[in-house]
Amino acid sequence: MRKVTIFGATGSIGQSTIDLIRRSPGTYDVVALTGGRNIARLAEDAIALKADLAVTAHEELLQPLREALQGSGVEAAAGQGALLEAATRPADWIMSAIVGAAGLAPGLKALEQGTTLALANKESLVCAGKLLLATAKQHGARLLPVDSEHSAVFQGLVGEDMDAVERIIITASGGAFRDWPIGDLPNATLAQASSHPNWDMGQRITIDSASMFNKALEVIETREYFQVEPDQIEVLVHPESMVHALVGFRDGALMAHLGAPDMRHAIGYALHWPERRDLPVARLDLTQVGQLNFRTPDAARYPALHQAYAVMERGGLMGAAFNAAKERALDHFISGHIRFTDMAEVTAKVLDRIEAQSGLIDSAMTLDNVSKIDHLSRQAADVAVAEDKR
């Protein structure tokens, strides 16, 4: 049987991965599942899948996890050290679906084992793309994209020469506020931002979709994963969310990947790669779809996209600063400290402050330096929010 581990098992990507594994009994041996505060879900899945190990990221939840697993034979562990230890356990395939920069260290540790890492944690490439790719190369590991857009590009490039690629187009639904009057955006509520028109995702990524910070990170992820120039990456708002990405070639051809808005497609492709196998996803009936619409993103509505291109232009560790500032600004919006439109303003202030600290952004790309930038940027975001309240 194929040994698999799932980081972020209790989130939407992790749950979709578990759904696919459960549909193929006797095919997979689950080594470890990791999660956050949803101990009941983590324990239930670990027991059902007969995992060797279940890990919560929160040390204070170790005892509740042990109690939930009592008598099952599943080992319980907690904390950052336990996450890293789980990544060293022999596995053929590991899903990296921890949300945010917290997924970087376990992902690196998994790659050091020479395994196949299915990467749903886009923040890892945004923060430390060069480090991640170099680690994979050094240890003979394989990195497979799981974001729907990057999986689509990856599939569109099968059998193609990267030198023939002229451009990569990734699509965005536009999120909850794509048709709102711009003047109404400052008053958008948390509940409104947390409702996606097409996808069923967690709260944080749903809000990031509404602000298009999610797409901004994916633009940087595209550059890092496929090693193309920033001016080769385009974004189109596509309300139907059926065309996930397009690859344009120098002969003028466009290769498009279409599919229902269901993350099990990208997850299943990575899980079964290099084969294609049956997946329980809807089959598109284009006669029912009728039409597909595309439009250029409104720069005033989605300032995060402009920030992403500025981050790529600056280079160095600016991606780590951008991601940390975005994550902290999102925390403050969820907590009710700032308005929806303030998130981009906070991020812009953080980038200016980090850039002003001489030599910091140009430090060597190591895990320690990425962590340092992450910490300083989160602090700067808190300062920016506090200043705005005065």
Protein backbone atom coordinates (compact mmCIF):
# COMPACT_ATOMS: atom_id res chain seq x y z
CA MET A 1 0.00 0.00 0.00
CA ARG A 2 1.03 3.59 -0.62
CA LYS A 3 2.02 5.47 2.54
CA VAL A 4 0.47 8.94 2.84
CA THR A 5 0.51 11.79 5.35
CA ILE A 6 -1.85 14.77 5.42
CA PHE A 7 -0.80 18.07 6.98
CA GLY A 8 -3.83 20.27 7.61
CA ALA A 9 -6.20 17.30 7.62
CA THR A 10 -9.09 19.14 9.28
CA GLY A 11 -9.23 21.98 6.72
CA SER A 12 -11.15 21.99 3.45
CA ILE A 13 -8.23 20.65 1.37
CA GLY A 14 -7.41 18.02 3.97
CA GLN A 15 -11.02 16.88 4.15
CA SER A 16 -11.25 16.60 0.37
CA THR A 17 -8.03 14.57 0.37
CA ILE A 18 -9.44 12.25 3.03
CA ASP A 19 -12.62 11.87 0.99
CA LEU A 20 -10.61 10.56 -1.97
CA ILE A 21 -8.56 8.23 0.22
CA ARG A 22 -11.68 6.78 1.83
CA ARG A 23 -13.08 5.99 -1.61
CA SER A 24 -10.15 3.63 -2.29
CA PRO A 25 -10.04 1.24 0.68
CA GLY A 26 -6.97 -0.94 0.87
CA THR A 27 -4.96 1.41 -1.36
CA TYR A 28 -3.46 3.79 1.20
CA ASP A 29 -1.66 3.37 4.51
CA VAL A 30 -2.13 6.62 6.45
CA VAL A 31 1.01 7.46 8.38
CA ALA A 32 0.00 10.74 10.02
CA LEU A 33 -2.76 13.33 10.12
CA THR A 34 -2.20 16.80 11.53
CA GLY A 35 -4.67 19.53 12.41
CA GLY A 36 -5.35 22.55 14.56
CA ARG A 37 -8.10 23.04 17.12
CA ASN A 38 -10.74 20.73 15.67
CA ILE A 39 -9.74 17.81 17.87
CA ALA A 40 -12.97 15.87 17.37
CA ARG A 41 -12.55 15.87 13.58
CA LEU A 42 -8.85 15.05 13.76
CA ALA A 43 -9.42 12.12 16.09
CA GLU A 44 -12.42 10.81 14.16
CA ASP A 45 -10.50 10.78 10.87
CA ALA A 46 -7.36 9.32 12.42
CA ILE A 47 -9.36 6.45 13.89
CA ALA A 48 -11.37 5.84 10.70
CA LEU A 49 -8.23 5.80 8.55
CA LYS A 50 -6.23 3.80 11.13
CA ALA A 51 -3.46 6.40 11.09
CA ASP A 52 -0.28 5.71 13.02
CA LEU A 53 -0.14 9.26 14.39
CA ALA A 54 -2.40 12.27 14.95
CA VAL A 55 -0.85 15.66 15.71
CA THR A 56 -2.43 18.92 16.81
CA ALA A 57 -0.38 22.09 16.32
CA HIS A 58 -1.46 23.32 19.75
CA GLU A 59 0.42 21.82 22.69
CA GLU A 60 -2.35 22.68 25.16
CA LEU A 61 -4.71 20.37 23.24
CA LEU A 62 -2.57 17.25 23.61
CA GLN A 63 -4.61 15.83 26.50
CA PRO A 64 -7.99 16.28 24.76
CA LEU A 65 -6.51 14.59 21.67
CA ARG A 66 -5.21 11.69 23.76
CA GLU A 67 -8.62 11.27 25.35
CA ALA A 68 -10.36 11.33 21.96
CA LEU A 69 -7.98 8.65 20.66
CA GLN A 70 -8.04 6.46 23.76
CA GLY A 71 -8.16 2.77 22.92
CA SER A 72 -7.75 3.33 19.18
CA GLY A 73 -4.04 2.56 18.94
CA VAL A 74 -3.42 5.92 17.24
CA GLU A 75 -0.48 7.82 18.73
CA ALA A 76 -1.13 11.42 19.82
CA ALA A 77 1.33 14.32 19.74
CA ALA A 78 1.23 18.11 19.78
CA GLY A 79 3.27 21.21 18.97
CA GLN A 80 5.72 22.35 16.31
CA GLY A 81 8.27 19.68 17.17
CA ALA A 82 5.65 16.99 16.70
CA LEU A 83 4.67 18.42 13.30
CA LEU A 84 8.29 18.31 12.16
CA GLU A 85 8.72 14.78 13.50
CA ALA A 86 5.61 13.69 11.60
CA ALA A 87 7.17 15.04 8.40
CA THR A 88 10.19 12.75 8.88
CA ARG A 89 8.13 9.57 9.09
CA PRO A 90 8.52 7.54 5.88
CA ALA A 91 5.75 8.35 3.40
CA ASP A 92 5.42 8.09 -0.36
CA TRP A 93 3.15 11.14 -0.65
CA ILE A 94 2.50 14.05 1.69
CA MET A 95 -0.24 16.64 1.39
CA SER A 96 0.88 20.08 2.59
CA ALA A 97 -2.37 21.89 3.41
CA ILE A 98 -1.49 23.81 6.57
CA VAL A 99 -2.74 27.36 6.07
CA GLY A 100 -0.21 30.19 6.00
CA ALA A 101 3.52 30.50 6.66
CA ALA A 102 3.20 27.81 9.35
CA GLY A 103 3.26 25.22 6.56
CA LEU A 104 6.77 26.09 5.39
CA ALA A 105 8.91 24.27 7.99
CA PRO A 106 6.99 20.94 7.84
CA GLY A 107 7.03 21.13 4.04
CA LEU A 108 10.79 21.62 3.97
CA LYS A 109 11.28 18.77 6.43
CA ALA A 110 9.16 16.49 4.22
CA LEU A 111 11.17 17.38 1.12
CA GLU A 112 14.37 16.55 2.99
CA GLN A 113 13.08 12.97 3.17
CA GLY A 114 12.97 12.80 -0.64
CA THR A 115 9.21 12.28 -0.74
CA THR A 116 6.54 13.64 -3.09
CA LEU A 117 5.01 16.79 -1.60
CA ALA A 118 1.59 17.83 -2.88
CA LEU A 119 1.64 21.56 -2.21
CA ALA A 120 -1.65 23.25 -1.35
CA ASN A 121 0.23 25.66 0.92
CA LYS A 122 0.93 28.46 -1.56
CA GLU A 123 2.49 30.57 1.18
CA SER A 124 5.56 28.30 1.19
CA LEU A 125 6.45 29.28 -2.37
CA VAL A 126 5.58 32.93 -1.76
CA CYS A 127 7.81 33.13 1.33
CA ALA A 128 10.68 30.93 0.23
CA GLY A 129 10.24 29.63 -3.29
CA LYS A 130 13.95 29.34 -4.06
CA LEU A 131 14.60 27.52 -0.79
CA LEU A 132 11.74 25.09 -1.33
CA LEU A 133 12.73 24.24 -4.91
CA ALA A 134 16.41 23.93 -4.01
CA THR A 135 15.58 21.57 -1.13
CA ALA A 136 13.46 19.39 -3.42
CA LYS A 137 16.25 19.22 -5.99
CA GLN A 138 18.93 18.48 -3.41
CA HIS A 139 17.04 15.54 -1.95
CA GLY A 140 15.48 14.16 -5.12
CA ALA A 141 11.98 15.03 -3.92
CA ARG A 142 9.07 15.97 -6.14
CA LEU A 143 6.85 19.01 -5.68
CA LEU A 144 3.36 18.80 -7.19
CA PRO A 145 0.99 21.82 -7.27
CA VAL A 146 -2.46 21.47 -5.75
CA ASP A 147 -3.86 24.99 -6.11
CA SER A 148 -6.46 24.58 -8.86
CA GLU A 149 -4.80 27.22 -11.05
CA HIS A 150 -1.30 25.82 -10.76
CA SER A 151 -2.47 22.26 -11.19
CA ALA A 152 -4.20 23.44 -14.37
CA VAL A 153 -1.00 25.06 -15.65
CA PHE A 154 1.00 21.98 -14.70
CA GLN A 155 -1.40 19.77 -16.65
CA GLY A 156 -1.33 22.16 -19.61
CA LEU A 157 2.45 21.88 -19.78
CA VAL A 158 2.60 18.08 -19.98
CA GLY A 159 4.75 17.24 -23.00
CA GLU A 160 5.48 20.92 -23.70
CA ASP A 161 8.75 22.85 -23.77
CA MET A 162 8.86 25.73 -21.27
CA ASP A 163 10.87 27.73 -23.80
CA ALA A 164 7.76 27.79 -25.98
CA VAL A 165 5.61 29.34 -23.24
CA GLU A 166 4.76 32.96 -23.91
CA ARG A 167 2.36 33.63 -21.04
CA ILE A 168 0.41 32.03 -18.23
CA ILE A 169 -3.11 33.21 -17.42
CA ILE A 170 -4.64 32.33 -14.08
CA THR A 171 -8.28 33.03 -13.42
CA ALA A 172 -10.08 34.44 -10.40
CA SER A 173 -13.74 34.26 -9.52
CA GLY A 174 -13.58 37.82 -8.23
CA GLY A 175 -14.90 36.72 -4.87
CA ALA A 176 -17.93 37.88 -2.95
CA PHE A 177 -17.64 41.54 -3.96
CA ARG A 178 -16.79 41.33 -7.65
CA ASP A 179 -19.96 43.21 -8.64
CA TRP A 180 -20.29 45.50 -5.66
CA PRO A 181 -19.96 49.27 -6.11
CA ILE A 182 -16.41 50.10 -5.02
CA GLY A 183 -17.74 52.74 -2.66
CA ASP A 184 -19.54 50.04 -0.65
CA LEU A 185 -16.44 47.92 -0.02
CA PRO A 186 -15.26 49.72 3.15
CA ASN A 187 -18.54 48.70 4.80
CA ALA A 188 -18.37 45.02 3.83
CA THR A 189 -18.98 42.80 6.84
CA LEU A 190 -17.07 39.73 7.93
CA ALA A 191 -20.08 37.52 7.16
CA GLN A 192 -20.38 38.96 3.65
CA ALA A 193 -16.65 38.50 2.96
CA SER A 194 -16.82 34.91 4.25
CA SER A 195 -19.34 33.75 1.63
CA HIS A 196 -17.92 32.63 -1.71
CA PRO A 197 -20.15 32.56 -4.81
CA ASN A 198 -18.57 29.42 -6.33
CA TRP A 199 -16.17 27.55 -4.05
CA ASP A 200 -16.66 25.83 -0.69
CA MET A 201 -13.54 26.85 1.24
CA GLY A 202 -12.39 27.85 4.70
CA GLN A 203 -13.10 31.34 6.05
CA ARG A 204 -9.63 32.79 5.62
CA ILE A 205 -9.15 31.78 2.00
CA THR A 206 -12.71 32.87 1.20
CA ILE A 207 -11.98 36.37 2.53
CA ASP A 208 -8.67 36.36 0.65
CA SER A 209 -10.64 35.57 -2.49
CA ALA A 210 -12.90 38.56 -1.91
CA SER A 211 -9.89 40.88 -1.52
CA MET A 212 -7.95 38.96 -4.17
CA PHE A 213 -5.00 38.62 -1.81
CA ASN A 214 -5.33 34.92 -2.56
CA LYS A 215 -4.79 35.61 -6.26
CA ALA A 216 -1.90 37.95 -5.46
CA LEU A 217 -0.16 35.09 -3.67
CA GLU A 218 -0.93 32.78 -6.58
CA VAL A 219 0.70 35.20 -9.03
CA ILE A 220 3.91 34.98 -6.99
CA GLU A 221 3.47 31.21 -6.68
CA THR A 222 3.22 30.98 -10.49
CA ARG A 223 6.49 32.83 -10.92
CA GLU A 224 8.30 30.66 -8.39
CA TYR A 225 6.95 27.28 -9.42
CA PHE A 226 7.16 27.69 -13.18
CA GLN A 227 10.15 30.06 -13.22
CA VAL A 228 8.57 32.57 -15.60
CA GLU A 229 8.96 36.34 -15.58
CA PRO A 230 6.34 38.53 -13.85
CA ASP A 231 5.30 40.11 -17.16
CA GLN A 232 4.42 36.64 -18.47
CA ILE A 233 1.73 36.19 -15.79
CA GLU A 234 -1.76 37.53 -16.34
CA VAL A 235 -4.92 37.44 -14.21
CA LEU A 236 -8.48 37.41 -15.54
CA VAL A 237 -11.70 37.58 -13.56
CA HIS A 238 -13.81 34.61 -14.63
CA PRO A 239 -17.08 34.51 -12.67
CA GLU A 240 -18.01 30.94 -13.65
CA SER A 241 -14.77 29.46 -12.18
CA MET A 242 -14.68 26.73 -14.82
CA VAL A 243 -11.55 27.73 -16.72
CA HIS A 244 -8.86 27.43 -14.06
CA ALA A 245 -5.86 28.55 -16.09
CA LEU A 246 -4.56 28.94 -19.63
CA VAL A 247 -1.09 28.53 -21.06
CA GLY A 248 -0.20 30.66 -24.06
CA PHE A 249 2.53 29.54 -26.45
CA ARG A 250 4.72 31.52 -28.84
CA ASP A 251 2.76 30.21 -31.83
CA GLY A 252 -0.34 31.98 -30.49
CA ALA A 253 -2.06 28.85 -29.18
CA LEU A 254 -3.86 28.89 -25.83
CA MET A 255 -4.27 25.65 -23.87
CA ALA A 256 -7.12 25.95 -21.35
CA HIS A 257 -7.94 23.66 -18.44
CA LEU A 258 -11.66 23.44 -17.66
CA GLY A 259 -13.39 21.67 -14.81
CA ALA A 260 -16.08 22.04 -12.20
CA PRO A 261 -15.09 24.16 -9.18
CA ASP A 262 -14.15 21.16 -7.03
CA MET A 263 -10.72 20.92 -5.39
CA ARG A 264 -10.83 17.12 -5.57
CA HIS A 265 -9.81 17.43 -9.22
CA ALA A 266 -6.45 19.06 -8.44
CA ILE A 267 -5.97 16.94 -5.32
CA GLY A 268 -6.76 13.74 -7.22
CA TYR A 269 -4.40 14.66 -10.04
CA ALA A 270 -1.56 15.10 -7.55
CA LEU A 271 -2.53 11.99 -5.59
CA HIS A 272 -2.56 9.73 -8.67
CA TRP A 273 0.16 11.46 -10.72
CA PRO A 274 1.47 10.59 -13.27
CA GLU A 275 -1.71 8.62 -13.96
CA ARG A 276 -5.26 9.89 -14.43
CA ARG A 277 -7.88 7.95 -12.53
CA ASP A 278 -11.62 8.22 -12.00
CA LEU A 279 -12.61 11.07 -9.69
CA PRO A 280 -16.01 11.80 -8.10
CA VAL A 281 -16.28 15.27 -9.63
CA ALA A 282 -19.02 16.73 -11.81
CA ARG A 283 -18.58 16.47 -15.59
CA LEU A 284 -19.10 19.76 -17.38
CA ASP A 285 -21.97 20.03 -19.83
CA LEU A 286 -20.97 23.02 -21.91
CA THR A 287 -24.42 23.23 -23.47
CA GLN A 288 -25.76 23.93 -19.98
CA VAL A 289 -22.94 26.34 -19.16
CA GLY A 290 -23.89 28.36 -22.22
CA GLN A 291 -21.17 31.00 -21.97
CA LEU A 292 -17.90 31.78 -20.22
CA ASN A 293 -17.09 35.34 -19.25
CA PHE A 294 -13.76 37.04 -18.65
CA ARG A 295 -12.73 40.53 -17.67
CA THR A 296 -9.65 42.43 -16.56
CA PRO A 297 -9.40 42.86 -12.78
CA ASP A 298 -10.22 46.37 -11.56
CA ALA A 299 -7.03 47.75 -10.01
CA ALA A 300 -8.99 49.99 -7.63
CA ARG A 301 -11.10 47.05 -6.41
CA TYR A 302 -8.14 44.66 -6.04
CA PRO A 303 -5.01 46.62 -4.96
CA ALA A 304 -3.41 43.38 -3.71
CA LEU A 305 -2.65 42.36 -7.29
CA HIS A 306 -0.51 45.46 -7.88
CA GLN A 307 1.31 44.74 -4.62
CA ALA A 308 2.13 41.22 -5.81
CA TYR A 309 3.87 42.50 -8.94
CA ALA A 310 5.79 45.07 -6.87
CA VAL A 311 6.88 42.28 -4.52
CA MET A 312 8.17 40.19 -7.43
CA GLU A 313 10.00 43.19 -8.86
CA ARG A 314 11.73 43.81 -5.53
CA GLY A 315 12.65 40.17 -4.97
CA GLY A 316 14.68 38.88 -2.06
CA LEU A 317 12.62 38.11 1.03
CA MET A 318 9.87 40.56 0.15
CA GLY A 319 7.49 37.67 -0.51
CA ALA A 320 7.80 36.58 3.12
CA ALA A 321 7.06 40.13 4.28
CA PHE A 322 4.05 40.37 1.98
CA ASN A 323 2.56 37.10 3.14
CA ALA A 324 3.07 37.85 6.84
CA ALA A 325 1.57 41.33 6.49
CA LYS A 326 -1.40 39.88 4.62
CA GLU A 327 -1.99 37.19 7.22
CA ARG A 328 -1.84 39.65 10.11
CA ALA A 329 -4.06 42.19 8.36
CA LEU A 330 -6.59 39.41 7.82
CA ASP A 331 -6.43 38.57 11.54
CA HIS A 332 -7.29 42.16 12.35
CA PHE A 333 -10.21 42.22 9.90
CA ILE A 334 -11.63 38.99 11.32
CA SER A 335 -11.26 40.45 14.83
CA GLY A 336 -13.13 43.60 13.79
CA HIS A 337 -10.18 45.95 14.29
CA ILE A 338 -10.05 47.19 10.69
CA ARG A 339 -12.35 47.46 7.68
CA PHE A 340 -12.22 45.17 4.66
CA THR A 341 -10.44 47.77 2.52
CA ASP A 342 -7.91 48.52 5.27
CA MET A 343 -6.17 45.19 4.74
CA ALA A 344 -4.41 46.34 1.57
CA GLU A 345 -3.43 49.62 3.24
CA VAL A 346 -1.89 47.78 6.19
CA THR A 347 0.05 45.50 3.86
CA ALA A 348 1.39 48.45 1.86
CA LYS A 349 2.61 50.17 5.05
CA VAL A 350 4.35 47.00 6.22
CA LEU A 351 6.18 46.55 2.92
CA ASP A 352 7.42 50.15 3.07
CA ARG A 353 8.67 49.71 6.65
CA ILE A 354 10.42 46.43 6.01
CA GLU A 355 12.02 47.80 2.83
CA ALA A 356 13.33 50.78 4.81
CA GLN A 357 15.35 48.49 7.10
CA SER A 358 18.63 48.41 5.23
CA GLY A 359 19.75 45.03 3.94
CA LEU A 360 16.95 43.07 5.60
CA ILE A 361 15.11 42.04 2.44
CA ASP A 362 18.35 41.02 0.74
CA SER A 363 19.40 38.59 3.48
CA ALA A 364 20.16 35.02 2.42
CA MET A 365 17.05 32.90 1.90
CA THR A 366 17.24 30.55 4.86
CA LEU A 367 14.44 29.28 7.08
CA ASP A 368 15.76 31.41 9.97
CA ASN A 369 15.80 34.58 7.88
CA VAL A 370 12.34 33.91 6.45
CA SER A 371 11.07 33.39 10.00
CA LYS A 372 12.71 36.65 11.09
CA ILE A 373 11.07 38.61 8.27
CA ASP A 374 7.77 36.94 9.05
CA HIS A 375 7.98 37.99 12.72
CA LEU A 376 9.04 41.57 12.00
CA SER A 377 6.32 42.00 9.37
CA ARG A 378 3.60 40.78 11.71
CA GLN A 379 4.83 43.24 14.33
CA ALA A 380 4.82 46.03 11.76
CA ALA A 381 1.24 45.17 10.80
CA ASP A 382 0.14 45.41 14.44
CA VAL A 383 1.86 48.79 14.73
CA ALA A 384 0.18 50.04 11.55
CA VAL A 385 -3.25 49.02 12.84
CA ALA A 386 -2.60 50.64 16.24
CA GLU A 387 -1.45 53.88 14.59
CA ASP A 388 -4.58 54.06 12.47
CA LYS A 389 -6.75 53.78 15.58
CA ARG A 390 -5.21 56.85 17.21
